[in-house]
Amino acid sequence: MKILFTADLHLLRATQERTLLKVREWITRHRPDAFVVAGDLASAQQAGDTLQSLRGCFSEGPIAVCLGNHDFWMLDHSRKEVASLSGVIDRYWAPAAKSFDIVLLDVENLHLQDVAIVGGYGHYDLGFAFPGLAYDGIPITEDDYLRGTPSASSVLRWRDFQFMPTEQRLQEIARQQVERVRQLLLAAGNTRTIVVLHTPPFEELLGVPPSSNRPPNATPSVYAFFRAYLGNRSMGHLLKASNNLVAVACGHTHRTAGPINLGSAIGINIGSDYGAPKAALFSCDSNRFERLD
């Protein structure tokens, strides 16, 4: 069995046609048995059109998607109507997934012969933040991260806080995501499991240099602030304890990483960018990822 994985398709009007053309090319050339997308498809209100487009690329076989942070983005008036991430799923993504016979991994697992695809959005828990980060001598505090921008005037701003429902604290959302994946792993039983997340659960899958590589007293890049929002370290702790895990696939950072050895499993960050989709083919017989052109 072969499974095609991609992520971060970002089906915007300007790039959608060439992105979907590439998806169809992969499917025609490699003839996968299943197709999986690790989040960031489109904004919530576009859920129906987006999943219809995916089904049009792979008309017969099983499709599974997990959601990404951009998939929870909404216009201001809609944000007032939906107060939680689960509300976005129930209102937009779950009905669309049912309409086009697509498995929404944030809700249920996809079972394929002797392997289960388990996953979800993941969120970020600030676990990959640079320790002691400061700009011009002003430290970045936890409150700054929880606000998505430093309190002082700054160009640094994590945009999710403008567009996603934010009725709960960041760490609570991350904790709920970990607990949801825990329940889905339990539901998979003793089946070999591939975990698909939008946000990376391991530092090795971020696709950016480790925080330990920054020289002492070096001026931090402005991008160092955003590192805190790249993954969910507590999710990684959960996965390390999973006995049946054979592979992990993720996206979010738009940086490729792997395939790399994660102990008993293999991991990959797909690394797609806007209008430049990437993919990998997983062979269930050999437990290997092959990156595709």
C-alpha atoms as a PDB file:
ATOM      1  CA  MET A   1       0.000   0.000   0.000  1.00  0.00           C
ATOM      2  CA  LYS A   2       1.177   3.512  -0.897  1.00  0.00           C
ATOM      3  CA  ILE A   3      -0.099   6.687   0.772  1.00  0.00           C
ATOM      4  CA  LEU A   4       0.403  10.148  -0.715  1.00  0.00           C
ATOM      5  CA  PHE A   5       1.051  12.858   1.884  1.00  0.00           C
ATOM      6  CA  THR A   6       1.054  16.594   1.365  1.00  0.00           C
ATOM      7  CA  ALA A   7       0.427  19.671   3.528  1.00  0.00           C
ATOM      8  CA  ASP A   8      -0.061  23.438   3.434  1.00  0.00           C
ATOM      9  CA  LEU A   9      -1.785  23.552   0.075  1.00  0.00           C
ATOM     10  CA  HIS A  10      -3.212  27.018   0.885  1.00  0.00           C
ATOM     11  CA  LEU A  11      -5.794  26.968  -1.891  1.00  0.00           C
ATOM     12  CA  LEU A  12      -5.894  30.701  -2.480  1.00  0.00           C
ATOM     13  CA  ARG A  13      -7.496  32.080  -5.614  1.00  0.00           C
ATOM     14  CA  ALA A  14      -4.159  33.167  -7.113  1.00  0.00           C
ATOM     15  CA  THR A  15      -2.394  29.804  -6.742  1.00  0.00           C
ATOM     16  CA  GLN A  16      -5.174  27.217  -6.447  1.00  0.00           C
ATOM     17  CA  GLU A  17      -5.180  26.103 -10.070  1.00  0.00           C
ATOM     18  CA  ARG A  18      -1.482  25.256 -10.270  1.00  0.00           C
ATOM     19  CA  THR A  19      -1.495  23.698  -6.803  1.00  0.00           C
ATOM     20  CA  LEU A  20      -4.352  21.338  -7.675  1.00  0.00           C
ATOM     21  CA  LEU A  21      -2.725  20.588 -11.018  1.00  0.00           C
ATOM     22  CA  LYS A  22       0.352  19.391  -9.126  1.00  0.00           C
ATOM     23  CA  VAL A  23      -1.775  17.245  -6.820  1.00  0.00           C
ATOM     24  CA  ARG A  24      -3.460  15.599  -9.797  1.00  0.00           C
ATOM     25  CA  GLU A  25      -0.051  15.027 -11.396  1.00  0.00           C
ATOM     26  CA  TRP A  26       1.228  13.190  -8.290  1.00  0.00           C
ATOM     27  CA  ILE A  27      -1.888  11.043  -8.130  1.00  0.00           C
ATOM     28  CA  THR A  28      -1.783  10.160 -11.838  1.00  0.00           C
ATOM     29  CA  ARG A  29       1.924   9.339 -11.786  1.00  0.00           C
ATOM     30  CA  HIS A  30       2.178   7.404  -8.514  1.00  0.00           C
ATOM     31  CA  ARG A  31      -1.352   5.931  -8.209  1.00  0.00           C
ATOM     32  CA  PRO A  32      -1.532   5.999  -4.392  1.00  0.00           C
ATOM     33  CA  ASP A  33      -4.018   3.905  -2.462  1.00  0.00           C
ATOM     34  CA  ALA A  34      -4.882   6.837  -0.175  1.00  0.00           C
ATOM     35  CA  PHE A  35      -4.343  10.605  -0.047  1.00  0.00           C
ATOM     36  CA  VAL A  36      -3.657  12.578   3.160  1.00  0.00           C
ATOM     37  CA  VAL A  37      -3.276  16.342   3.710  1.00  0.00           C
ATOM     38  CA  ALA A  38      -1.675  17.704   6.889  1.00  0.00           C
ATOM     39  CA  GLY A  39      -3.585  20.941   7.270  1.00  0.00           C
ATOM     40  CA  ASP A  40      -3.751  24.523   5.999  1.00  0.00           C
ATOM     41  CA  LEU A  41      -6.175  24.006   3.146  1.00  0.00           C
ATOM     42  CA  ALA A  42      -8.229  27.219   3.178  1.00  0.00           C
ATOM     43  CA  SER A  43     -10.166  29.484   5.510  1.00  0.00           C
ATOM     44  CA  ALA A  44     -13.125  27.970   7.340  1.00  0.00           C
ATOM     45  CA  GLN A  45     -15.817  29.488   5.126  1.00  0.00           C
ATOM     46  CA  GLN A  46     -14.220  27.820   2.081  1.00  0.00           C
ATOM     47  CA  ALA A  47     -14.404  24.315   3.580  1.00  0.00           C
ATOM     48  CA  GLY A  48     -17.013  22.976   1.152  1.00  0.00           C
ATOM     49  CA  ASP A  49     -15.365  24.210  -2.048  1.00  0.00           C
ATOM     50  CA  THR A  50     -11.944  23.134  -0.797  1.00  0.00           C
ATOM     51  CA  LEU A  51     -12.851  19.553   0.061  1.00  0.00           C
ATOM     52  CA  GLN A  52     -14.821  19.246  -3.160  1.00  0.00           C
ATOM     53  CA  SER A  53     -11.651  20.213  -5.046  1.00  0.00           C
ATOM     54  CA  LEU A  54      -9.641  17.547  -3.207  1.00  0.00           C
ATOM     55  CA  ARG A  55     -12.232  14.904  -3.976  1.00  0.00           C
ATOM     56  CA  GLY A  56     -12.101  15.977  -7.616  1.00  0.00           C
ATOM     57  CA  CYS A  57      -8.373  15.195  -7.651  1.00  0.00           C
ATOM     58  CA  PHE A  58      -8.849  11.712  -6.162  1.00  0.00           C
ATOM     59  CA  SER A  59     -12.345  10.646  -7.078  1.00  0.00           C
ATOM     60  CA  GLU A  60     -12.483   7.080  -5.782  1.00  0.00           C
ATOM     61  CA  GLY A  61      -9.877   6.421  -3.086  1.00  0.00           C
ATOM     62  CA  PRO A  62      -9.856   7.299   0.621  1.00  0.00           C
ATOM     63  CA  ILE A  63      -8.901  10.855   1.552  1.00  0.00           C
ATOM     64  CA  ALA A  64      -8.056  12.105   5.038  1.00  0.00           C
ATOM     65  CA  VAL A  65      -7.229  15.633   6.165  1.00  0.00           C
ATOM     66  CA  CYS A  66      -6.328  17.211   9.448  1.00  0.00           C
ATOM     67  CA  LEU A  67      -6.866  20.915   9.971  1.00  0.00           C
ATOM     68  CA  GLY A  68      -4.216  23.603  10.287  1.00  0.00           C
ATOM     69  CA  ASN A  69      -4.228  26.995  11.959  1.00  0.00           C
ATOM     70  CA  HIS A  70      -5.314  28.743   8.728  1.00  0.00           C
ATOM     71  CA  ASP A  71      -8.281  26.384   8.445  1.00  0.00           C
ATOM     72  CA  PHE A  72      -9.701  28.012  11.584  1.00  0.00           C
ATOM     73  CA  TRP A  73      -9.343  31.553  10.220  1.00  0.00           C
ATOM     74  CA  MET A  74     -12.603  33.489   9.818  1.00  0.00           C
ATOM     75  CA  LEU A  75     -13.779  36.995   9.050  1.00  0.00           C
ATOM     76  CA  ASP A  76     -14.569  39.173  12.055  1.00  0.00           C
ATOM     77  CA  HIS A  77     -18.348  38.747  11.929  1.00  0.00           C
ATOM     78  CA  SER A  78     -17.999  34.942  11.785  1.00  0.00           C
ATOM     79  CA  ARG A  79     -15.554  34.887  14.680  1.00  0.00           C
ATOM     80  CA  LYS A  80     -18.266  36.391  16.847  1.00  0.00           C
ATOM     81  CA  GLU A  81     -20.627  33.572  15.908  1.00  0.00           C
ATOM     82  CA  VAL A  82     -18.207  30.674  16.577  1.00  0.00           C
ATOM     83  CA  ALA A  83     -16.378  30.812  19.889  1.00  0.00           C
ATOM     84  CA  SER A  84     -14.109  27.748  19.726  1.00  0.00           C
ATOM     85  CA  LEU A  85     -12.037  25.585  17.412  1.00  0.00           C
ATOM     86  CA  SER A  86     -14.493  22.735  17.905  1.00  0.00           C
ATOM     87  CA  GLY A  87     -17.254  25.112  16.856  1.00  0.00           C
ATOM     88  CA  VAL A  88     -15.438  25.815  13.586  1.00  0.00           C
ATOM     89  CA  ILE A  89     -15.102  22.078  12.971  1.00  0.00           C
ATOM     90  CA  ASP A  90     -18.773  21.406  13.686  1.00  0.00           C
ATOM     91  CA  ARG A  91     -20.060  24.318  11.621  1.00  0.00           C
ATOM     92  CA  TYR A  92     -17.764  24.231   8.592  1.00  0.00           C
ATOM     93  CA  TRP A  93     -15.378  21.301   8.230  1.00  0.00           C
ATOM     94  CA  ALA A  94     -17.284  18.276   9.553  1.00  0.00           C
ATOM     95  CA  PRO A  95     -20.351  18.776   7.295  1.00  0.00           C
ATOM     96  CA  ALA A  96     -18.115  19.384   4.256  1.00  0.00           C
ATOM     97  CA  ALA A  97     -16.041  16.279   5.001  1.00  0.00           C
ATOM     98  CA  LYS A  98     -19.186  14.165   5.275  1.00  0.00           C
ATOM     99  CA  SER A  99     -20.519  15.551   1.988  1.00  0.00           C
ATOM    100  CA  PHE A 100     -17.444  14.480   0.046  1.00  0.00           C
ATOM    101  CA  ASP A 101     -16.675  11.248   1.931  1.00  0.00           C
ATOM    102  CA  ILE A 102     -13.443  12.618   3.399  1.00  0.00           C
ATOM    103  CA  VAL A 103     -12.161  11.540   6.809  1.00  0.00           C
ATOM    104  CA  LEU A 104     -11.544  14.520   9.080  1.00  0.00           C
ATOM    105  CA  LEU A 105      -8.736  13.322  11.318  1.00  0.00           C
ATOM    106  CA  ASP A 106      -9.596  15.888  13.990  1.00  0.00           C
ATOM    107  CA  VAL A 107     -12.758  13.823  14.511  1.00  0.00           C
ATOM    108  CA  GLU A 108     -11.964  10.216  13.555  1.00  0.00           C
ATOM    109  CA  ASN A 109      -9.269   7.842  12.305  1.00  0.00           C
ATOM    110  CA  LEU A 110      -8.810   6.466   8.816  1.00  0.00           C
ATOM    111  CA  HIS A 111      -8.268   2.688   8.758  1.00  0.00           C
ATOM    112  CA  LEU A 112      -6.379   1.268   5.774  1.00  0.00           C
ATOM    113  CA  GLN A 113      -5.827  -2.495   5.829  1.00  0.00           C
ATOM    114  CA  ASP A 114      -3.223  -2.976   8.594  1.00  0.00           C
ATOM    115  CA  VAL A 115      -2.467   0.714   9.304  1.00  0.00           C
ATOM    116  CA  ALA A 116      -4.436   3.489  11.007  1.00  0.00           C
ATOM    117  CA  ILE A 117      -4.040   7.162  10.138  1.00  0.00           C
ATOM    118  CA  VAL A 118      -4.446   9.174  13.338  1.00  0.00           C
ATOM    119  CA  GLY A 119      -4.070  12.909  13.705  1.00  0.00           C
ATOM    120  CA  GLY A 120      -5.329  16.408  14.205  1.00  0.00           C
ATOM    121  CA  TYR A 121      -4.401  20.056  14.168  1.00  0.00           C
ATOM    122  CA  GLY A 122      -2.017  20.058  17.145  1.00  0.00           C
ATOM    123  CA  HIS A 123      -1.719  23.808  17.914  1.00  0.00           C
ATOM    124  CA  TYR A 124       1.388  25.288  19.578  1.00  0.00           C
ATOM    125  CA  ASP A 125       2.350  25.160  23.232  1.00  0.00           C
ATOM    126  CA  LEU A 126       5.347  27.591  23.168  1.00  0.00           C
ATOM    127  CA  GLY A 127       7.581  24.593  23.829  1.00  0.00           C
ATOM    128  CA  PHE A 128       9.962  25.485  20.991  1.00  0.00           C
ATOM    129  CA  ALA A 129      10.425  29.167  21.930  1.00  0.00           C
ATOM    130  CA  PHE A 130      13.964  30.495  22.063  1.00  0.00           C
ATOM    131  CA  PRO A 131      14.988  30.580  25.732  1.00  0.00           C
ATOM    132  CA  GLY A 132      15.749  34.083  27.011  1.00  0.00           C
ATOM    133  CA  LEU A 133      14.784  35.789  23.745  1.00  0.00           C
ATOM    134  CA  ALA A 134      15.149  39.584  23.858  1.00  0.00           C
ATOM    135  CA  TYR A 135      15.196  42.417  21.330  1.00  0.00           C
ATOM    136  CA  ASP A 136      17.149  45.608  22.048  1.00  0.00           C
ATOM    137  CA  GLY A 137      17.558  44.439  25.614  1.00  0.00           C
ATOM    138  CA  ILE A 138      13.801  43.989  26.146  1.00  0.00           C
ATOM    139  CA  PRO A 139      12.906  40.377  27.051  1.00  0.00           C
ATOM    140  CA  ILE A 140      10.021  38.608  25.351  1.00  0.00           C
ATOM    141  CA  THR A 141       7.755  37.392  28.146  1.00  0.00           C
ATOM    142  CA  GLU A 142       5.220  34.603  28.254  1.00  0.00           C
ATOM    143  CA  ASP A 143       2.480  37.240  28.250  1.00  0.00           C
ATOM    144  CA  ASP A 144       3.929  38.599  24.994  1.00  0.00           C
ATOM    145  CA  TYR A 145       3.698  35.139  23.430  1.00  0.00           C
ATOM    146  CA  LEU A 146       0.169  34.641  24.743  1.00  0.00           C
ATOM    147  CA  ARG A 147      -0.831  37.967  23.184  1.00  0.00           C
ATOM    148  CA  GLY A 148       0.893  37.165  19.903  1.00  0.00           C
ATOM    149  CA  THR A 149       2.945  40.352  19.968  1.00  0.00           C
ATOM    150  CA  PRO A 150       5.262  42.171  22.391  1.00  0.00           C
ATOM    151  CA  SER A 151       3.656  44.904  24.462  1.00  0.00           C
ATOM    152  CA  ALA A 152       6.081  47.520  23.119  1.00  0.00           C
ATOM    153  CA  SER A 153       5.666  48.834  19.575  1.00  0.00           C
ATOM    154  CA  SER A 154       6.929  46.059  17.304  1.00  0.00           C
ATOM    155  CA  VAL A 155       6.670  44.514  13.846  1.00  0.00           C
ATOM    156  CA  LEU A 156       6.317  41.118  15.526  1.00  0.00           C
ATOM    157  CA  ARG A 157       2.774  39.775  15.375  1.00  0.00           C
ATOM    158  CA  TRP A 158       1.435  36.227  15.091  1.00  0.00           C
ATOM    159  CA  ARG A 159      -1.656  36.660  12.915  1.00  0.00           C
ATOM    160  CA  ASP A 160      -3.698  33.717  14.228  1.00  0.00           C
ATOM    161  CA  PHE A 161      -4.738  35.935  17.127  1.00  0.00           C
ATOM    162  CA  GLN A 162      -6.542  38.197  14.651  1.00  0.00           C
ATOM    163  CA  PHE A 163      -8.487  35.489  12.831  1.00  0.00           C
ATOM    164  CA  MET A 164      -8.923  32.370  14.987  1.00  0.00           C
ATOM    165  CA  PRO A 165     -11.436  31.909  17.807  1.00  0.00           C
ATOM    166  CA  THR A 166      -9.529  32.689  20.997  1.00  0.00           C
ATOM    167  CA  GLU A 167     -11.927  31.932  23.804  1.00  0.00           C
ATOM    168  CA  GLN A 168      -9.314  29.879  25.687  1.00  0.00           C
ATOM    169  CA  ARG A 169      -5.693  30.312  26.638  1.00  0.00           C
ATOM    170  CA  LEU A 170      -3.139  29.069  24.163  1.00  0.00           C
ATOM    171  CA  GLN A 171      -1.767  26.314  26.383  1.00  0.00           C
ATOM    172  CA  GLU A 172      -5.250  24.997  27.122  1.00  0.00           C
ATOM    173  CA  ILE A 173      -5.964  24.599  23.405  1.00  0.00           C
ATOM    174  CA  ALA A 174      -2.627  22.790  22.984  1.00  0.00           C
ATOM    175  CA  ARG A 175      -3.437  20.514  25.929  1.00  0.00           C
ATOM    176  CA  GLN A 176      -6.848  19.679  24.476  1.00  0.00           C
ATOM    177  CA  GLN A 177      -5.242  18.821  21.152  1.00  0.00           C
ATOM    178  CA  VAL A 178      -2.822  16.426  22.839  1.00  0.00           C
ATOM    179  CA  GLU A 179      -5.646  14.790  24.759  1.00  0.00           C
ATOM    180  CA  ARG A 180      -7.716  14.424  21.589  1.00  0.00           C
ATOM    181  CA  VAL A 181      -4.851  12.674  19.787  1.00  0.00           C
ATOM    182  CA  ARG A 182      -4.380  10.459  22.854  1.00  0.00           C
ATOM    183  CA  GLN A 183      -7.990   9.326  22.579  1.00  0.00           C
ATOM    184  CA  LEU A 184      -7.662   8.700  18.842  1.00  0.00           C
ATOM    185  CA  LEU A 185      -4.517   6.632  19.431  1.00  0.00           C
ATOM    186  CA  LEU A 186      -6.395   4.549  21.982  1.00  0.00           C
ATOM    187  CA  ALA A 187      -9.196   4.063  19.462  1.00  0.00           C
ATOM    188  CA  ALA A 188      -6.654   2.743  16.946  1.00  0.00           C
ATOM    189  CA  GLY A 189      -5.856  -0.101  19.345  1.00  0.00           C
ATOM    190  CA  ASN A 190      -2.868  -2.268  18.462  1.00  0.00           C
ATOM    191  CA  THR A 191      -2.875  -1.299  14.783  1.00  0.00           C
ATOM    192  CA  ARG A 192       0.272   0.137  13.245  1.00  0.00           C
ATOM    193  CA  THR A 193      -0.215   3.890  13.330  1.00  0.00           C
ATOM    194  CA  ILE A 194       0.820   6.871  11.210  1.00  0.00           C
ATOM    195  CA  VAL A 195       0.246  10.160  13.016  1.00  0.00           C
ATOM    196  CA  VAL A 196      -0.554  13.188  10.856  1.00  0.00           C
ATOM    197  CA  LEU A 197      -0.418  16.615  12.496  1.00  0.00           C
ATOM    198  CA  HIS A 198      -0.297  20.116  11.157  1.00  0.00           C
ATOM    199  CA  THR A 199       2.089  21.448  13.813  1.00  0.00           C
ATOM    200  CA  PRO A 200       5.352  19.526  14.323  1.00  0.00           C
ATOM    201  CA  PRO A 201       5.640  17.569  17.560  1.00  0.00           C
ATOM    202  CA  PHE A 202       9.461  17.315  17.508  1.00  0.00           C
ATOM    203  CA  GLU A 203      12.172  19.955  17.148  1.00  0.00           C
ATOM    204  CA  GLU A 204      13.839  17.822  14.478  1.00  0.00           C
ATOM    205  CA  LEU A 205      10.755  18.302  12.293  1.00  0.00           C
ATOM    206  CA  LEU A 206      10.588  22.100  12.489  1.00  0.00           C
ATOM    207  CA  GLY A 207      12.958  22.492   9.554  1.00  0.00           C
ATOM    208  CA  VAL A 208      14.732  25.412  11.267  1.00  0.00           C
ATOM    209  CA  PRO A 209      18.054  25.481  13.176  1.00  0.00           C
ATOM    210  CA  PRO A 210      17.892  24.264  16.796  1.00  0.00           C
ATOM    211  CA  SER A 211      17.689  26.986  19.424  1.00  0.00           C
ATOM    212  CA  SER A 212      20.960  25.694  20.883  1.00  0.00           C
ATOM    213  CA  ASN A 213      22.763  26.742  17.683  1.00  0.00           C
ATOM    214  CA  ARG A 214      22.383  30.485  18.325  1.00  0.00           C
ATOM    215  CA  PRO A 215      25.767  31.923  19.349  1.00  0.00           C
ATOM    216  CA  PRO A 216      25.880  33.623  22.769  1.00  0.00           C
ATOM    217  CA  ASN A 217      25.111  37.359  22.626  1.00  0.00           C
ATOM    218  CA  ALA A 218      24.163  37.128  18.949  1.00  0.00           C
ATOM    219  CA  THR A 219      21.447  39.508  17.771  1.00  0.00           C
ATOM    220  CA  PRO A 220      18.355  37.344  17.262  1.00  0.00           C
ATOM    221  CA  SER A 221      16.582  37.294  13.921  1.00  0.00           C
ATOM    222  CA  VAL A 222      13.111  38.820  13.918  1.00  0.00           C
ATOM    223  CA  TYR A 223      11.904  35.335  12.989  1.00  0.00           C
ATOM    224  CA  ALA A 224      13.082  33.974  16.340  1.00  0.00           C
ATOM    225  CA  PHE A 225       9.883  35.293  17.934  1.00  0.00           C
ATOM    226  CA  PHE A 226       7.724  33.140  15.667  1.00  0.00           C
ATOM    227  CA  ARG A 227       9.572  29.946  16.594  1.00  0.00           C
ATOM    228  CA  ALA A 228       7.335  29.667  19.659  1.00  0.00           C
ATOM    229  CA  TYR A 229       4.352  29.051  17.378  1.00  0.00           C
ATOM    230  CA  LEU A 230       5.910  26.325  15.241  1.00  0.00           C
ATOM    231  CA  GLY A 231       4.961  23.212  17.164  1.00  0.00           C
ATOM    232  CA  ASN A 232       3.615  21.321  20.138  1.00  0.00           C
ATOM    233  CA  ARG A 233       6.397  19.793  22.246  1.00  0.00           C
ATOM    234  CA  SER A 234       3.935  18.117  24.619  1.00  0.00           C
ATOM    235  CA  MET A 235       2.465  16.275  21.629  1.00  0.00           C
ATOM    236  CA  GLY A 236       5.924  14.842  21.001  1.00  0.00           C
ATOM    237  CA  HIS A 237       6.037  13.514  24.559  1.00  0.00           C
ATOM    238  CA  LEU A 238       2.771  11.683  23.903  1.00  0.00           C
ATOM    239  CA  LEU A 239       4.001  10.183  20.635  1.00  0.00           C
ATOM    240  CA  LYS A 240       7.257   8.954  22.158  1.00  0.00           C
ATOM    241  CA  ALA A 241       5.179   6.784  24.484  1.00  0.00           C
ATOM    242  CA  SER A 242       3.160   5.246  21.624  1.00  0.00           C
ATOM    243  CA  ASN A 243       4.025   1.596  21.058  1.00  0.00           C
ATOM    244  CA  ASN A 244       2.528   1.231  17.589  1.00  0.00           C
ATOM    245  CA  LEU A 245       3.800   4.412  15.921  1.00  0.00           C
ATOM    246  CA  VAL A 246       5.557   3.804  12.600  1.00  0.00           C
ATOM    247  CA  ALA A 247       5.568   7.306  11.062  1.00  0.00           C
ATOM    248  CA  VAL A 248       4.815  10.996  11.683  1.00  0.00           C
ATOM    249  CA  ALA A 249       3.960  13.532   8.981  1.00  0.00           C
ATOM    250  CA  CYS A 250       3.465  17.260   9.544  1.00  0.00           C
ATOM    251  CA  GLY A 251       3.682  20.682   7.914  1.00  0.00           C
ATOM    252  CA  HIS A 252       3.018  24.244   9.146  1.00  0.00           C
ATOM    253  CA  THR A 253       6.560  25.649   9.044  1.00  0.00           C
ATOM    254  CA  HIS A 254       6.859  25.617   5.213  1.00  0.00           C
ATOM    255  CA  ARG A 255      10.321  24.119   5.741  1.00  0.00           C
ATOM    256  CA  THR A 256      11.295  20.598   4.737  1.00  0.00           C
ATOM    257  CA  ALA A 257      12.693  18.222   7.327  1.00  0.00           C
ATOM    258  CA  GLY A 258      13.473  14.542   7.011  1.00  0.00           C
ATOM    259  CA  PRO A 259      12.676  11.824   6.525  1.00  0.00           C
ATOM    260  CA  ILE A 260      14.472  11.344   9.841  1.00  0.00           C
ATOM    261  CA  ASN A 261      14.690   8.561  12.377  1.00  0.00           C
ATOM    262  CA  LEU A 262      12.569   9.198  15.480  1.00  0.00           C
ATOM    263  CA  GLY A 263      13.556   6.016  17.285  1.00  0.00           C
ATOM    264  CA  SER A 264      11.000   3.384  16.384  1.00  0.00           C
ATOM    265  CA  ALA A 265       9.305   5.655  13.831  1.00  0.00           C
ATOM    266  CA  ILE A 266      10.225   7.803  10.848  1.00  0.00           C
ATOM    267  CA  GLY A 267       9.228  11.466  10.602  1.00  0.00           C
ATOM    268  CA  ILE A 268       8.846  14.045   7.857  1.00  0.00           C
ATOM    269  CA  ASN A 269       7.850  17.679   7.484  1.00  0.00           C
ATOM    270  CA  ILE A 270       6.392  18.040   4.002  1.00  0.00           C
ATOM    271  CA  GLY A 271       7.628  21.616   3.568  1.00  0.00           C
ATOM    272  CA  SER A 272       5.050  22.989   1.115  1.00  0.00           C
ATOM    273  CA  ASP A 273       4.849  26.750   0.603  1.00  0.00           C
ATOM    274  CA  TYR A 274       2.276  29.058  -0.981  1.00  0.00           C
ATOM    275  CA  GLY A 275       1.885  28.021  -4.605  1.00  0.00           C
ATOM    276  CA  ALA A 276       4.770  25.549  -4.245  1.00  0.00           C
ATOM    277  CA  PRO A 277       3.284  22.291  -2.946  1.00  0.00           C
ATOM    278  CA  LYS A 278       5.451  19.345  -1.980  1.00  0.00           C
ATOM    279  CA  ALA A 279       4.590  15.743  -1.230  1.00  0.00           C
ATOM    280  CA  ALA A 280       5.933  12.414  -0.058  1.00  0.00           C
ATOM    281  CA  LEU A 281       4.881   8.854  -0.797  1.00  0.00           C
ATOM    282  CA  PHE A 282       4.825   6.427   2.126  1.00  0.00           C
ATOM    283  CA  SER A 283       5.227   2.708   1.494  1.00  0.00           C
ATOM    284  CA  CYS A 284       3.485   0.651   4.164  1.00  0.00           C
ATOM    285  CA  ASP A 285       5.529  -2.412   3.220  1.00  0.00           C
ATOM    286  CA  SER A 286       8.889  -0.784   3.917  1.00  0.00           C
ATOM    287  CA  ASN A 287       7.808   2.008   6.327  1.00  0.00           C
ATOM    288  CA  ARG A 288       9.631   4.557   4.181  1.00  0.00           C
ATOM    289  CA  PHE A 289       8.882   8.040   2.866  1.00  0.00           C
ATOM    290  CA  GLU A 290       9.973   9.017  -0.643  1.00  0.00           C
ATOM    291  CA  ARG A 291       9.917  12.731  -1.446  1.00  0.00           C
ATOM    292  CA  LEU A 292       8.254  13.574  -4.754  1.00  0.00           C
ATOM    293  CA  ASP A 293       9.152  16.185  -7.347  1.00  0.00           C
END
